Every structure is written in structure tokens, then in C-alpha cells.
Protein backbone atom coordinates (compact mmCIF):
# COMPACT_ATOMS: atom_id res chain seq x y z
CA MET A 1 -12.79 12.22 -35.54
CA ALA A 2 -14.75 11.19 -32.46
CA GLN A 3 -12.96 9.47 -29.61
CA LYS A 4 -14.30 6.24 -28.23
CA THR A 5 -15.58 6.64 -24.74
CA SER A 6 -15.12 3.77 -22.36
CA GLY A 7 -18.33 2.33 -21.00
CA PRO A 8 -18.97 1.48 -17.33
CA HIS A 9 -17.70 -2.07 -17.88
CA ALA A 10 -14.47 -1.22 -19.69
CA PRO A 11 -11.28 -2.76 -18.31
CA PRO A 12 -9.02 -0.41 -16.29
CA THR A 13 -6.24 1.12 -18.35
CA LEU A 14 -3.21 3.35 -17.84
CA THR A 15 -1.75 5.69 -20.42
CA LEU A 16 1.93 5.00 -21.07
CA LYS A 17 3.71 7.09 -23.76
CA GLY A 18 0.36 7.97 -25.36
CA ARG A 19 -0.90 4.40 -25.44
CA ASN A 20 -3.70 2.91 -23.35
CA VAL A 21 -2.39 -0.24 -21.63
CA ARG A 22 -4.57 -2.54 -19.60
CA VAL A 23 -3.58 -2.93 -15.95
CA ARG A 24 -3.86 -6.71 -16.40
CA THR A 25 -1.25 -6.57 -19.17
CA ILE A 26 1.19 -4.68 -16.94
CA GLY A 27 0.68 -7.21 -14.16
CA ALA A 28 1.26 -10.15 -16.54
CA VAL A 29 4.50 -8.57 -17.81
CA ILE A 30 5.72 -8.00 -14.30
CA LEU A 31 4.92 -11.62 -13.27
CA ALA A 32 6.61 -13.00 -16.42
CA GLY A 33 9.72 -10.93 -15.66
CA LEU A 34 9.85 -12.23 -12.12
CA ALA A 35 9.34 -15.81 -13.29
CA ILE A 36 12.19 -15.45 -15.82
CA TRP A 37 14.45 -13.94 -13.16
CA PHE A 38 13.58 -16.80 -10.76
CA VAL A 39 14.42 -19.41 -13.46
CA ALA A 40 17.71 -17.66 -14.31
CA ALA A 41 18.74 -17.44 -10.66
CA ASN A 42 18.40 -21.23 -10.12
CA THR A 43 21.26 -22.81 -11.96
CA GLY A 44 21.98 -25.93 -9.88
CA SER A 45 21.22 -29.54 -10.92
CA THR A 46 18.33 -31.57 -9.60
CA ALA A 47 16.99 -35.10 -9.99
CA VAL A 48 13.55 -35.43 -11.61
CA ARG A 49 11.71 -38.68 -11.38
CA LEU A 50 9.43 -39.41 -14.41
CA TRP A 51 7.47 -42.50 -13.17
CA ILE A 52 10.28 -45.02 -13.89
CA PRO A 53 13.43 -43.15 -15.08
CA THR A 54 15.20 -40.57 -12.94
CA LEU A 55 16.81 -37.72 -14.84
CA THR A 56 19.40 -35.17 -13.60
CA LEU A 57 18.66 -31.86 -15.21
CA PRO A 58 19.59 -28.24 -14.58
CA LEU A 59 17.01 -26.65 -12.27
CA TRP A 60 16.50 -23.78 -14.70
CA ALA A 61 15.40 -26.26 -17.41
CA VAL A 62 12.87 -27.93 -15.06
CA LEU A 63 11.52 -24.50 -14.02
CA ALA A 64 11.32 -23.26 -17.58
CA VAL A 65 9.39 -26.30 -18.77
CA THR A 66 7.04 -25.98 -15.76
CA LEU A 67 6.54 -22.29 -16.51
CA VAL A 68 5.72 -22.92 -20.18
CA VAL A 69 3.32 -25.76 -19.41
CA GLY A 70 1.57 -23.64 -16.80
CA MET A 71 1.22 -20.73 -19.23
CA VAL A 72 -0.17 -22.99 -21.98
CA LEU A 73 -2.67 -24.59 -19.64
CA GLY A 74 -3.71 -21.29 -18.06
CA GLY A 75 -4.18 -19.71 -21.50
CA TYR A 76 -6.24 -22.68 -22.68
CA LEU A 77 -8.51 -22.63 -19.63
CA PHE A 78 -8.83 -18.82 -19.68
CA ARG A 79 -9.89 -18.80 -23.35
CA ARG A 80 -12.25 -21.66 -22.79
CA ARG A 81 -13.91 -19.88 -19.83
CA ALA A 82 -14.15 -16.57 -21.78
CA ARG A 83 -16.05 -18.22 -24.65
CA ARG A 84 -18.82 -19.49 -22.32
């Protein structure tokens, strides 16, 4: 069977345990791991003001919600830009 050859515009990849993994994927996994570690390391409480009410929440919950919202918005904008 013939192997696919990567063209001049193919994304950079690394071979890990016999699999080709994109460098961008490795970077995303490292950043996600650091973000999860940062959320887990911040366990104190903080006050969050939502226009009128003020809530006291654990800092890890505020950071986790912010991380998820940022990932969703980033994924949406990235997909939208890729389709153009």
C-alpha cells in the first residue's frame, strides 16, 4: 500500500509511539493541563459581582467556568474563521 506523502503545506507533525501527532495538538494539551493545574491550585473563596447580586464562590469554580466559556468561544470563532 502506498504511503501518503505530506505536501508543502501540511501541518507540522511529530511521531509518538508510531502515530503522527500535530504540534498544535501537543501545545493544546500542554496548555489545557496547565489551566487545569492553575484552577486546582486556587482553592480560596472570592466575591463575584454579577451586575446586581454579589456571590461568594470558590475561586476554582470561577476559573473553571471562565476556562470553559473561553474554550467554547475560541472554538466557535476558530471554526467560523476556518470556514471562510
